Amino acid sequence: MAVVMSLRAPGVTPEQYEAVRTAMRWEEHLPEGAVLHVAWFEGGALYVTDVWNTREDFERFFTDRLGSALKEAGVTGKPETSFSPLQRRFVAPGVSGSD
């Protein structure tokens, strides 16, 4: 069942986020099970909302790829994460790509 992953990571900077994104190239090398990724910064924290095919897909991505990239970018601490079952996903017609 698809899940929504919500993450809050206090202290992570936009520069660290971009360093991880650039190093991992997850937009070019899509992680298995990834459906949607949205990220923003507010109040000194990184917020992420993702949709994954399964929670296990995200956990495998974190273990195999993301965890080590975060360490290399100097990200410390453990983010607050939660998972909820996805009820519905809607993408407006004509929406595609990143940015």
C-alpha atoms as a PDB file:
ATOM      1  CA  MET A   1       0.000   0.000   0.000  1.00  0.00           C
ATOM      2  CA  ALA A   2       1.323   3.460  -0.888  1.00  0.00           C
ATOM      3  CA  VAL A   3       2.354   5.660   2.027  1.00  0.00           C
ATOM      4  CA  VAL A   4       2.920   9.334   2.728  1.00  0.00           C
ATOM      5  CA  MET A   5       6.184   9.964   4.545  1.00  0.00           C
ATOM      6  CA  SER A   6       6.425  13.229   6.492  1.00  0.00           C
ATOM      7  CA  LEU A   7       9.823  14.342   7.735  1.00  0.00           C
ATOM      8  CA  ARG A   8      11.086  17.255   9.824  1.00  0.00           C
ATOM      9  CA  ALA A   9      14.846  17.709  10.234  1.00  0.00           C
ATOM     10  CA  PRO A  10      15.819  20.660  12.456  1.00  0.00           C
ATOM     11  CA  GLY A  11      19.148  22.284  11.630  1.00  0.00           C
ATOM     12  CA  VAL A  12      19.444  20.976   8.075  1.00  0.00           C
ATOM     13  CA  THR A  13      20.329  23.846   5.742  1.00  0.00           C
ATOM     14  CA  PRO A  14      19.324  24.418   2.135  1.00  0.00           C
ATOM     15  CA  GLU A  15      23.005  24.029   1.223  1.00  0.00           C
ATOM     16  CA  GLN A  16      23.163  20.592   2.855  1.00  0.00           C
ATOM     17  CA  TYR A  17      19.953  19.516   1.139  1.00  0.00           C
ATOM     18  CA  GLU A  18      21.308  20.608  -2.252  1.00  0.00           C
ATOM     19  CA  ALA A  19      24.654  18.886  -1.603  1.00  0.00           C
ATOM     20  CA  VAL A  20      22.870  15.599  -0.866  1.00  0.00           C
ATOM     21  CA  ARG A  21      20.509  15.975  -3.840  1.00  0.00           C
ATOM     22  CA  THR A  22      23.375  16.771  -6.208  1.00  0.00           C
ATOM     23  CA  ALA A  23      25.608  13.961  -4.934  1.00  0.00           C
ATOM     24  CA  MET A  24      22.878  11.323  -5.032  1.00  0.00           C
ATOM     25  CA  ARG A  25      21.210  12.438  -8.265  1.00  0.00           C
ATOM     26  CA  TRP A  26      17.971  10.820  -7.105  1.00  0.00           C
ATOM     27  CA  GLU A  27      16.037  12.674  -9.810  1.00  0.00           C
ATOM     28  CA  GLU A  28      18.145  10.956 -12.488  1.00  0.00           C
ATOM     29  CA  HIS A  29      18.547   7.640 -10.596  1.00  0.00           C
ATOM     30  CA  LEU A  30      15.072   7.264  -9.166  1.00  0.00           C
ATOM     31  CA  PRO A  31      14.926   5.166  -6.004  1.00  0.00           C
ATOM     32  CA  GLU A  32      12.785   2.059  -6.310  1.00  0.00           C
ATOM     33  CA  GLY A  33       9.302   2.800  -5.009  1.00  0.00           C
ATOM     34  CA  ALA A  34       9.591   6.599  -5.017  1.00  0.00           C
ATOM     35  CA  VAL A  35       6.503   8.376  -6.356  1.00  0.00           C
ATOM     36  CA  LEU A  36       6.659  12.018  -5.234  1.00  0.00           C
ATOM     37  CA  HIS A  37       9.056  14.291  -3.320  1.00  0.00           C
ATOM     38  CA  VAL A  38       8.371  17.799  -2.010  1.00  0.00           C
ATOM     39  CA  ALA A  39      10.812  19.720   0.214  1.00  0.00           C
ATOM     40  CA  TRP A  40      10.843  23.135   1.876  1.00  0.00           C
ATOM     41  CA  PHE A  41      12.496  25.052   4.707  1.00  0.00           C
ATOM     42  CA  GLU A  42      10.774  26.834   7.547  1.00  0.00           C
ATOM     43  CA  GLY A  43      11.876  27.925  11.004  1.00  0.00           C
ATOM     44  CA  GLY A  44      15.367  26.456  10.702  1.00  0.00           C
ATOM     45  CA  ALA A  45      14.196  23.001   9.661  1.00  0.00           C
ATOM     46  CA  LEU A  46      13.901  20.946   6.498  1.00  0.00           C
ATOM     47  CA  TYR A  47      10.433  19.550   5.822  1.00  0.00           C
ATOM     48  CA  VAL A  48       9.807  16.752   3.332  1.00  0.00           C
ATOM     49  CA  THR A  49       6.629  15.094   2.140  1.00  0.00           C
ATOM     50  CA  ASP A  50       7.140  12.006   0.008  1.00  0.00           C
ATOM     51  CA  VAL A  51       4.880   9.368  -1.468  1.00  0.00           C
ATOM     52  CA  TRP A  52       6.369   5.875  -1.645  1.00  0.00           C
ATOM     53  CA  ASN A  53       4.884   2.622  -2.902  1.00  0.00           C
ATOM     54  CA  THR A  54       5.682   1.104   0.515  1.00  0.00           C
ATOM     55  CA  ARG A  55       7.325   2.156   3.759  1.00  0.00           C
ATOM     56  CA  GLU A  56       9.916  -0.556   3.121  1.00  0.00           C
ATOM     57  CA  ASP A  57      10.897   1.153  -0.157  1.00  0.00           C
ATOM     58  CA  PHE A  58      11.748   4.348   1.745  1.00  0.00           C
ATOM     59  CA  GLU A  59      13.572   2.463   4.492  1.00  0.00           C
ATOM     60  CA  ARG A  60      15.665   0.583   1.917  1.00  0.00           C
ATOM     61  CA  PHE A  61      16.492   3.866   0.145  1.00  0.00           C
ATOM     62  CA  PHE A  62      17.547   5.408   3.462  1.00  0.00           C
ATOM     63  CA  THR A  63      19.711   2.422   4.401  1.00  0.00           C
ATOM     64  CA  ASP A  64      21.290   1.881   0.981  1.00  0.00           C
ATOM     65  CA  ARG A  65      21.775   5.446  -0.230  1.00  0.00           C
ATOM     66  CA  LEU A  66      20.453   8.387   1.741  1.00  0.00           C
ATOM     67  CA  GLY A  67      21.939   7.751   5.195  1.00  0.00           C
ATOM     68  CA  SER A  68      25.561   7.825   4.074  1.00  0.00           C
ATOM     69  CA  ALA A  69      24.989  10.863   1.828  1.00  0.00           C
ATOM     70  CA  LEU A  70      23.522  12.777   4.781  1.00  0.00           C
ATOM     71  CA  LYS A  71      26.595  12.002   6.879  1.00  0.00           C
ATOM     72  CA  GLU A  72      28.904  13.153   4.082  1.00  0.00           C
ATOM     73  CA  ALA A  73      27.013  16.458   3.902  1.00  0.00           C
ATOM     74  CA  GLY A  74      27.484  16.959   7.643  1.00  0.00           C
ATOM     75  CA  VAL A  75      23.861  16.354   8.611  1.00  0.00           C
ATOM     76  CA  THR A  76      23.662  15.185  12.213  1.00  0.00           C
ATOM     77  CA  GLY A  77      20.790  14.077  14.395  1.00  0.00           C
ATOM     78  CA  LYS A  78      17.827  11.925  13.547  1.00  0.00           C
ATOM     79  CA  PRO A  79      14.903  13.474  11.665  1.00  0.00           C
ATOM     80  CA  GLU A  80      11.344  13.150  12.932  1.00  0.00           C
ATOM     81  CA  THR A  81       9.455  10.921  10.503  1.00  0.00           C
ATOM     82  CA  SER A  82       5.966   9.527  10.268  1.00  0.00           C
ATOM     83  CA  PHE A  83       4.173   7.321   7.764  1.00  0.00           C
ATOM     84  CA  SER A  84       0.481   7.329   6.879  1.00  0.00           C
ATOM     85  CA  PRO A  85      -1.493   5.286   4.359  1.00  0.00           C
ATOM     86  CA  LEU A  86      -2.118   7.219   1.150  1.00  0.00           C
ATOM     87  CA  GLN A  87      -5.817   7.806   0.572  1.00  0.00           C
ATOM     88  CA  ARG A  88      -5.612   9.502  -2.826  1.00  0.00           C
ATOM     89  CA  ARG A  89      -3.068  11.128  -5.092  1.00  0.00           C
ATOM     90  CA  PHE A  90      -3.963  13.800  -7.662  1.00  0.00           C
ATOM     91  CA  VAL A  91      -1.552  15.461 -10.086  1.00  0.00           C
ATOM     92  CA  ALA A  92      -2.955  18.374 -12.061  1.00  0.00           C
ATOM     93  CA  PRO A  93      -3.034  17.834 -15.833  1.00  0.00           C
ATOM     94  CA  GLY A  94       0.089  19.115 -17.539  1.00  0.00           C
ATOM     95  CA  VAL A  95       2.258  18.987 -14.402  1.00  0.00           C
ATOM     96  CA  SER A  96       5.535  17.173 -14.921  1.00  0.00           C
ATOM     97  CA  GLY A  97       9.222  17.355 -14.155  1.00  0.00           C
ATOM     98  CA  SER A  98      10.975  18.963 -11.223  1.00  0.00           C
ATOM     99  CA  ASP A  99      11.394  22.432  -9.721  1.00  0.00           C
END
